[in-house]
Amino acid sequence: MKTMTCRQLGGPCDVAHRGETHDDVINAQDQHLKQAEKEGDAAHQPARDEMKARWRHPKKSLGWYRDMKAAFAALPEG
């Protein structure tokens, strides 16, 4: 199990997302950003807009995805 923060994934805060894989933490970040948007959190809106664009255009977002995969792989377990 590894942990990445909202900030490490491109967001504005230090909420921790834990997962077995990089996809787990990316999906947790997506849910976190959706909730922040629903609550009207303007600080998270730019990150939410970027995440929406990545889901709509996955081929264009492969660089970000690969970067997050590498960052996750480099993290220590625990």
PDB file of N, CA and C in Angstrom:
ATOM      1  N   MET A   1       0.852  -1.173   0.000  1.00  0.00           N
ATOM      2  CA  MET A   1       0.000   0.000   0.000  1.00  0.00           C
ATOM      3  C   MET A   1       0.898   1.236   0.000  1.00  0.00           C
ATOM      4  N   LYS A   2       0.594   2.164  -0.887  1.00  0.00           N
ATOM      5  CA  LYS A   2       1.364   3.397  -0.969  1.00  0.00           C
ATOM      6  C   LYS A   2       0.413   4.587  -0.892  1.00  0.00           C
ATOM      7  N   THR A   3       0.976   5.748  -0.586  1.00  0.00           N
ATOM      8  CA  THR A   3       0.181   6.952  -0.414  1.00  0.00           C
ATOM      9  C   THR A   3       0.709   8.074  -1.290  1.00  0.00           C
ATOM     10  N   MET A   4      -0.212   8.758  -1.954  1.00  0.00           N
ATOM     11  CA  MET A   4       0.106   9.989  -2.678  1.00  0.00           C
ATOM     12  C   MET A   4      -0.915  11.035  -2.246  1.00  0.00           C
ATOM     13  N   THR A   5      -0.480  12.273  -2.182  1.00  0.00           N
ATOM     14  CA  THR A   5      -1.383  13.338  -1.775  1.00  0.00           C
ATOM     15  C   THR A   5      -2.047  13.978  -2.991  1.00  0.00           C
ATOM     16  N   CYS A   6      -3.094  14.691  -2.718  1.00  0.00           N
ATOM     17  CA  CYS A   6      -3.774  15.475  -3.739  1.00  0.00           C
ATOM     18  C   CYS A   6      -2.748  16.369  -4.444  1.00  0.00           C
ATOM     19  N   ARG A   7      -1.884  16.997  -3.679  1.00  0.00           N
ATOM     20  CA  ARG A   7      -0.866  17.903  -4.234  1.00  0.00           C
ATOM     21  C   ARG A   7       0.085  17.156  -5.175  1.00  0.00           C
ATOM     22  N   GLN A   8       0.510  15.956  -4.799  1.00  0.00           N
ATOM     23  CA  GLN A   8       1.401  15.166  -5.653  1.00  0.00           C
ATOM     24  C   GLN A   8       0.733  14.800  -6.976  1.00  0.00           C
ATOM     25  N   LEU A   9      -0.585  14.724  -6.959  1.00  0.00           N
ATOM     26  CA  LEU A   9      -1.345  14.364  -8.151  1.00  0.00           C
ATOM     27  C   LEU A   9      -1.841  15.591  -8.912  1.00  0.00           C
ATOM     28  N   GLY A  10      -1.379  16.773  -8.517  1.00  0.00           N
ATOM     29  CA  GLY A  10      -1.720  17.991  -9.240  1.00  0.00           C
ATOM     30  C   GLY A  10      -2.763  18.869  -8.587  1.00  0.00           C
ATOM     31  N   GLY A  11      -3.215  18.490  -7.415  1.00  0.00           N
ATOM     32  CA  GLY A  11      -4.231  19.270  -6.711  1.00  0.00           C
ATOM     33  C   GLY A  11      -3.624  20.254  -5.725  1.00  0.00           C
ATOM     34  N   PRO A  12      -4.473  20.978  -4.990  1.00  0.00           N
ATOM     35  CA  PRO A  12      -4.007  22.040  -4.113  1.00  0.00           C
ATOM     36  C   PRO A  12      -3.848  21.678  -2.634  1.00  0.00           C
ATOM     37  N   CYS A  13      -4.171  20.435  -2.234  1.00  0.00           N
ATOM     38  CA  CYS A  13      -4.154  20.148  -0.797  1.00  0.00           C
ATOM     39  C   CYS A  13      -3.340  18.892  -0.490  1.00  0.00           C
ATOM     40  N   ASP A  14      -3.277  18.547   0.775  1.00  0.00           N
ATOM     41  CA  ASP A  14      -2.477  17.412   1.213  1.00  0.00           C
ATOM     42  C   ASP A  14      -3.314  16.215   1.669  1.00  0.00           C
ATOM     43  N   VAL A  15      -4.545  16.094   1.167  1.00  0.00           N
ATOM     44  CA  VAL A  15      -5.346  14.910   1.469  1.00  0.00           C
ATOM     45  C   VAL A  15      -4.609  13.698   0.909  1.00  0.00           C
ATOM     46  N   ALA A  16      -4.489  12.663   1.720  1.00  0.00           N
ATOM     47  CA  ALA A  16      -3.752  11.464   1.332  1.00  0.00           C
ATOM     48  C   ALA A  16      -4.678  10.443   0.678  1.00  0.00           C
ATOM     49  N   HIS A  17      -4.202   9.881  -0.411  1.00  0.00           N
ATOM     50  CA  HIS A  17      -4.908   8.798  -1.106  1.00  0.00           C
ATOM     51  C   HIS A  17      -4.010   7.570  -1.047  1.00  0.00           C
ATOM     52  N   ARG A  18      -4.578   6.456  -0.561  1.00  0.00           N
ATOM     53  CA  ARG A  18      -3.797   5.220  -0.433  1.00  0.00           C
ATOM     54  C   ARG A  18      -4.311   4.187  -1.423  1.00  0.00           C
ATOM     55  N   GLY A  19      -3.381   3.380  -1.935  1.00  0.00           N
ATOM     56  CA  GLY A  19      -3.792   2.331  -2.851  1.00  0.00           C
ATOM     57  C   GLY A  19      -2.690   1.336  -3.103  1.00  0.00           C
ATOM     58  N   GLU A  20      -3.088   0.208  -3.669  1.00  0.00           N
ATOM     59  CA  GLU A  20      -2.141  -0.838  -4.039  1.00  0.00           C
ATOM     60  C   GLU A  20      -1.452  -0.501  -5.355  1.00  0.00           C
ATOM     61  N   THR A  21      -2.145   0.262  -6.215  1.00  0.00           N
ATOM     62  CA  THR A  21      -1.601   0.617  -7.527  1.00  0.00           C
ATOM     63  C   THR A  21      -1.738   2.109  -7.773  1.00  0.00           C
ATOM     64  N   HIS A  22      -1.025   2.577  -8.800  1.00  0.00           N
ATOM     65  CA  HIS A  22      -1.140   3.978  -9.169  1.00  0.00           C
ATOM     66  C   HIS A  22      -2.566   4.285  -9.623  1.00  0.00           C
ATOM     67  N   ASP A  23      -3.233   3.333 -10.266  1.00  0.00           N
ATOM     68  CA  ASP A  23      -4.618   3.551 -10.684  1.00  0.00           C
ATOM     69  C   ASP A  23      -5.538   3.764  -9.483  1.00  0.00           C
ATOM     70  N   ASP A  24      -5.267   3.061  -8.386  1.00  0.00           N
ATOM     71  CA  ASP A  24      -6.070   3.243  -7.167  1.00  0.00           C
ATOM     72  C   ASP A  24      -6.006   4.686  -6.680  1.00  0.00           C
ATOM     73  N   VAL A  25      -4.802   5.250  -6.622  1.00  0.00           N
ATOM     74  CA  VAL A  25      -4.683   6.616  -6.102  1.00  0.00           C
ATOM     75  C   VAL A  25      -5.182   7.642  -7.116  1.00  0.00           C
ATOM     76  N   ILE A  26      -5.020   7.371  -8.404  1.00  0.00           N
ATOM     77  CA  ILE A  26      -5.563   8.284  -9.418  1.00  0.00           C
ATOM     78  C   ILE A  26      -7.081   8.311  -9.334  1.00  0.00           C
ATOM     79  N   ASN A  27      -7.698   7.147  -9.184  1.00  0.00           N
ATOM     80  CA  ASN A  27      -9.159   7.104  -9.048  1.00  0.00           C
ATOM     81  C   ASN A  27      -9.626   7.761  -7.760  1.00  0.00           C
ATOM     82  N   ALA A  28      -8.875   7.578  -6.677  1.00  0.00           N
ATOM     83  CA  ALA A  28      -9.220   8.249  -5.416  1.00  0.00           C
ATOM     84  C   ALA A  28      -9.123   9.763  -5.575  1.00  0.00           C
ATOM     85  N   GLN A  29      -8.106  10.223  -6.296  1.00  0.00           N
ATOM     86  CA  GLN A  29      -7.965  11.664  -6.553  1.00  0.00           C
ATOM     87  C   GLN A  29      -9.154  12.166  -7.367  1.00  0.00           C
ATOM     88  N   ASP A  30      -9.565  11.409  -8.358  1.00  0.00           N
ATOM     89  CA  ASP A  30     -10.710  11.804  -9.174  1.00  0.00           C
ATOM     90  C   ASP A  30     -11.953  11.954  -8.299  1.00  0.00           C
ATOM     91  N   GLN A  31     -12.189  11.004  -7.410  1.00  0.00           N
ATOM     92  CA  GLN A  31     -13.343  11.086  -6.511  1.00  0.00           C
ATOM     93  C   GLN A  31     -13.228  12.291  -5.566  1.00  0.00           C
ATOM     94  N   HIS A  32     -12.023  12.521  -5.060  1.00  0.00           N
ATOM     95  CA  HIS A  32     -11.769  13.666  -4.176  1.00  0.00           C
ATOM     96  C   HIS A  32     -12.085  14.972  -4.904  1.00  0.00           C
ATOM     97  N   LEU A  33     -11.635  15.084  -6.150  1.00  0.00           N
ATOM     98  CA  LEU A  33     -11.872  16.310  -6.915  1.00  0.00           C
ATOM     99  C   LEU A  33     -13.350  16.480  -7.255  1.00  0.00           C
ATOM    100  N   LYS A  34     -14.041  15.378  -7.551  1.00  0.00           N
ATOM    101  CA  LYS A  34     -15.481  15.453  -7.807  1.00  0.00           C
ATOM    102  C   LYS A  34     -16.212  15.965  -6.577  1.00  0.00           C
ATOM    103  N   GLN A  35     -15.830  15.454  -5.403  1.00  0.00           N
ATOM    104  CA  GLN A  35     -16.469  15.885  -4.161  1.00  0.00           C
ATOM    105  C   GLN A  35     -16.183  17.365  -3.890  1.00  0.00           C
ATOM    106  N   ALA A  36     -14.943  17.776  -4.110  1.00  0.00           N
ATOM    107  CA  ALA A  36     -14.588  19.182  -3.891  1.00  0.00           C
ATOM    108  C   ALA A  36     -15.389  20.084  -4.826  1.00  0.00           C
ATOM    109  N   GLU A  37     -15.555  19.660  -6.070  1.00  0.00           N
ATOM    110  CA  GLU A  37     -16.341  20.441  -7.026  1.00  0.00           C
ATOM    111  C   GLU A  37     -17.797  20.533  -6.562  1.00  0.00           C
ATOM    112  N   LYS A  38     -18.337  19.416  -6.119  1.00  0.00           N
ATOM    113  CA  LYS A  38     -19.722  19.375  -5.643  1.00  0.00           C
ATOM    114  C   LYS A  38     -19.918  20.329  -4.465  1.00  0.00           C
ATOM    115  N   GLU A  39     -18.894  20.446  -3.617  1.00  0.00           N
ATOM    116  CA  GLU A  39     -18.965  21.313  -2.444  1.00  0.00           C
ATOM    117  C   GLU A  39     -18.634  22.763  -2.760  1.00  0.00           C
ATOM    118  N   GLY A  40     -18.294  23.053  -4.023  1.00  0.00           N
ATOM    119  CA  GLY A  40     -17.999  24.428  -4.421  1.00  0.00           C
ATOM    120  C   GLY A  40     -16.611  24.899  -4.039  1.00  0.00           C
ATOM    121  N   ASP A  41     -15.683  23.980  -3.851  1.00  0.00           N
ATOM    122  CA  ASP A  41     -14.312  24.319  -3.462  1.00  0.00           C
ATOM    123  C   ASP A  41     -13.550  24.862  -4.671  1.00  0.00           C
ATOM    124  N   ALA A  42     -13.434  26.171  -4.745  1.00  0.00           N
ATOM    125  CA  ALA A  42     -12.802  26.820  -5.895  1.00  0.00           C
ATOM    126  C   ALA A  42     -11.312  26.488  -6.006  1.00  0.00           C
ATOM    127  N   ALA A  43     -10.651  26.203  -4.910  1.00  0.00           N
ATOM    128  CA  ALA A  43      -9.217  25.897  -4.947  1.00  0.00           C
ATOM    129  C   ALA A  43      -8.946  24.608  -5.724  1.00  0.00           C
ATOM    130  N   HIS A  44      -9.890  23.683  -5.713  1.00  0.00           N
ATOM    131  CA  HIS A  44      -9.720  22.408  -6.404  1.00  0.00           C
ATOM    132  C   HIS A  44     -10.208  22.442  -7.857  1.00  0.00           C
ATOM    133  N   GLN A  45     -10.883  23.508  -8.250  1.00  0.00           N
ATOM    134  CA  GLN A  45     -11.500  23.533  -9.578  1.00  0.00           C
ATOM    135  C   GLN A  45     -10.500  23.390 -10.725  1.00  0.00           C
ATOM    136  N   PRO A  46      -9.346  24.079 -10.706  1.00  0.00           N
ATOM    137  CA  PRO A  46      -8.396  23.870 -11.811  1.00  0.00           C
ATOM    138  C   PRO A  46      -7.937  22.417 -11.936  1.00  0.00           C
ATOM    139  N   ALA A  47      -7.663  21.764 -10.817  1.00  0.00           N
ATOM    140  CA  ALA A  47      -7.255  20.358 -10.851  1.00  0.00           C
ATOM    141  C   ALA A  47      -8.404  19.485 -11.349  1.00  0.00           C
ATOM    142  N   ARG A  48      -9.613  19.798 -10.951  1.00  0.00           N
ATOM    143  CA  ARG A  48     -10.789  19.036 -11.411  1.00  0.00           C
ATOM    144  C   ARG A  48     -10.964  19.186 -12.920  1.00  0.00           C
ATOM    145  N   ASP A  49     -10.805  20.408 -13.422  1.00  0.00           N
ATOM    146  CA  ASP A  49     -10.927  20.640 -14.859  1.00  0.00           C
ATOM    147  C   ASP A  49      -9.858  19.869 -15.633  1.00  0.00           C
ATOM    148  N   GLU A  50      -8.641  19.848 -15.101  1.00  0.00           N
ATOM    149  CA  GLU A  50      -7.567  19.088 -15.747  1.00  0.00           C
ATOM    150  C   GLU A  50      -7.867  17.595 -15.735  1.00  0.00           C
ATOM    151  N   MET A  51      -8.398  17.086 -14.614  1.00  0.00           N
ATOM    152  CA  MET A  51      -8.722  15.668 -14.518  1.00  0.00           C
ATOM    153  C   MET A  51      -9.821  15.318 -15.524  1.00  0.00           C
ATOM    154  N   LYS A  52     -10.838  16.152 -15.625  1.00  0.00           N
ATOM    155  CA  LYS A  52     -11.908  15.899 -16.591  1.00  0.00           C
ATOM    156  C   LYS A  52     -11.338  15.823 -18.004  1.00  0.00           C
ATOM    157  N   ALA A  53     -10.443  16.732 -18.336  1.00  0.00           N
ATOM    158  CA  ALA A  53      -9.836  16.739 -19.667  1.00  0.00           C
ATOM    159  C   ALA A  53      -9.032  15.459 -19.908  1.00  0.00           C
ATOM    160  N   ARG A  54      -8.342  14.983 -18.869  1.00  0.00           N
ATOM    161  CA  ARG A  54      -7.578  13.732 -19.018  1.00  0.00           C
ATOM    162  C   ARG A  54      -8.493  12.544 -19.282  1.00  0.00           C
ATOM    163  N   TRP A  55      -9.628  12.474 -18.602  1.00  0.00           N
ATOM    164  CA  TRP A  55     -10.552  11.356 -18.819  1.00  0.00           C
ATOM    165  C   TRP A  55     -11.161  11.432 -20.213  1.00  0.00           C
ATOM    166  N   ARG A  56     -11.396  12.634 -20.728  1.00  0.00           N
ATOM    167  CA  ARG A  56     -11.989  12.789 -22.059  1.00  0.00           C
ATOM    168  C   ARG A  56     -10.994  12.509 -23.175  1.00  0.00           C
ATOM    169  N   HIS A  57      -9.714  12.775 -22.921  1.00  0.00           N
ATOM    170  CA  HIS A  57      -8.675  12.635 -23.947  1.00  0.00           C
ATOM    171  C   HIS A  57      -7.506  11.821 -23.399  1.00  0.00           C
ATOM    172  N   PRO A  58      -7.734  10.530 -23.139  1.00  0.00           N
ATOM    173  CA  PRO A  58      -6.705   9.724 -22.480  1.00  0.00           C
ATOM    174  C   PRO A  58      -5.393   9.611 -23.259  1.00  0.00           C
ATOM    175  N   LYS A  59      -5.441   9.559 -24.587  1.00  0.00           N
ATOM    176  CA  LYS A  59      -4.198   9.447 -25.352  1.00  0.00           C
ATOM    177  C   LYS A  59      -3.330  10.691 -25.177  1.00  0.00           C
ATOM    178  N   LYS A  60      -3.958  11.850 -25.138  1.00  0.00           N
ATOM    179  CA  LYS A  60      -3.212  13.092 -24.947  1.00  0.00           C
ATOM    180  C   LYS A  60      -2.637  13.187 -23.544  1.00  0.00           C
ATOM    181  N   SER A  61      -3.195  12.433 -22.611  1.00  0.00           N
ATOM    182  CA  SER A  61      -2.796  12.524 -21.210  1.00  0.00           C
ATOM    183  C   SER A  61      -1.815  11.445 -20.786  1.00  0.00           C
ATOM    184  N   LEU A  62      -1.302  10.693 -21.721  1.00  0.00           N
ATOM    185  CA  LEU A  62      -0.399   9.600 -21.363  1.00  0.00           C
ATOM    186  C   LEU A  62       0.857  10.077 -20.647  1.00  0.00           C
ATOM    187  N   GLY A  63       1.345  11.258 -20.967  1.00  0.00           N
ATOM    188  CA  GLY A  63       2.528  11.789 -20.285  1.00  0.00           C
ATOM    189  C   GLY A  63       2.276  11.960 -18.799  1.00  0.00           C
ATOM    190  N   TRP A  64       1.152  12.579 -18.450  1.00  0.00           N
ATOM    191  CA  TRP A  64       0.802  12.772 -17.042  1.00  0.00           C
ATOM    192  C   TRP A  64       0.633  11.412 -16.368  1.00  0.00           C
ATOM    193  N   TYR A  65      -0.065  10.509 -17.045  1.00  0.00           N
ATOM    194  CA  TYR A  65      -0.318   9.175 -16.492  1.00  0.00           C
ATOM    195  C   TYR A  65       0.997   8.447 -16.231  1.00  0.00           C
ATOM    196  N   ARG A  66       1.907   8.483 -17.181  1.00  0.00           N
ATOM    197  CA  ARG A  66       3.212   7.831 -17.004  1.00  0.00           C
ATOM    198  C   ARG A  66       4.003   8.463 -15.864  1.00  0.00           C
ATOM    199  N   ASP A  67       3.930   9.789 -15.755  1.00  0.00           N
ATOM    200  CA  ASP A  67       4.621  10.488 -14.666  1.00  0.00           C
ATOM    201  C   ASP A  67       4.075  10.046 -13.312  1.00  0.00           C
ATOM    202  N   MET A  68       2.756   9.926 -13.187  1.00  0.00           N
ATOM    203  CA  MET A  68       2.146   9.504 -11.924  1.00  0.00           C
ATOM    204  C   MET A  68       2.477   8.044 -11.629  1.00  0.00           C
ATOM    205  N   LYS A  69       2.517   7.226 -12.661  1.00  0.00           N
ATOM    206  CA  LYS A  69       2.867   5.813 -12.495  1.00  0.00           C
ATOM    207  C   LYS A  69       4.295   5.703 -11.962  1.00  0.00           C
ATOM    208  N   ALA A  70       5.216   6.483 -12.538  1.00  0.00           N
ATOM    209  CA  ALA A  70       6.621   6.459 -12.101  1.00  0.00           C
ATOM    210  C   ALA A  70       6.748   7.008 -10.688  1.00  0.00           C
ATOM    211  N   ALA A  71       6.031   8.091 -10.377  1.00  0.00           N
ATOM    212  CA  ALA A  71       6.086   8.671  -9.039  1.00  0.00           C
ATOM    213  C   ALA A  71       5.579   7.663  -8.003  1.00  0.00           C
ATOM    214  N   PHE A  72       4.497   6.968  -8.331  1.00  0.00           N
ATOM    215  CA  PHE A  72       3.941   5.967  -7.431  1.00  0.00           C
ATOM    216  C   PHE A  72       4.940   4.836  -7.223  1.00  0.00           C
ATOM    217  N   ALA A  73       5.549   4.373  -8.308  1.00  0.00           N
ATOM    218  CA  ALA A  73       6.518   3.273  -8.220  1.00  0.00           C
ATOM    219  C   ALA A  73       7.707   3.639  -7.349  1.00  0.00           C
ATOM    220  N   ALA A  74       8.092   4.903  -7.343  1.00  0.00           N
ATOM    221  CA  ALA A  74       9.246   5.350  -6.585  1.00  0.00           C
ATOM    222  C   ALA A  74       8.955   5.493  -5.080  1.00  0.00           C
ATOM    223  N   LEU A  75       7.695   5.489  -4.712  1.00  0.00           N
ATOM    224  CA  LEU A  75       7.328   5.665  -3.299  1.00  0.00           C
ATOM    225  C   LEU A  75       7.667   4.419  -2.490  1.00  0.00           C
ATOM    226  N   PRO A  76       8.006   4.618  -1.213  1.00  0.00           N
ATOM    227  CA  PRO A  76       8.220   3.460  -0.336  1.00  0.00           C
ATOM    228  C   PRO A  76       6.888   2.817   0.030  1.00  0.00           C
ATOM    229  N   GLU A  77       6.913   1.551   0.310  1.00  0.00           N
ATOM    230  CA  GLU A  77       5.699   0.862   0.774  1.00  0.00           C
ATOM    231  C   GLU A  77       5.342   1.345   2.171  1.00  0.00           C
ATOM    232  N   GLY A  78       4.049   1.328   2.462  1.00  0.00           N
ATOM    233  CA  GLY A  78       3.648   1.643   3.823  1.00  0.00           C
ATOM    234  C   GLY A  78       2.898   2.830   3.941  1.00  0.00           C
TER     235      GLY A  78
END
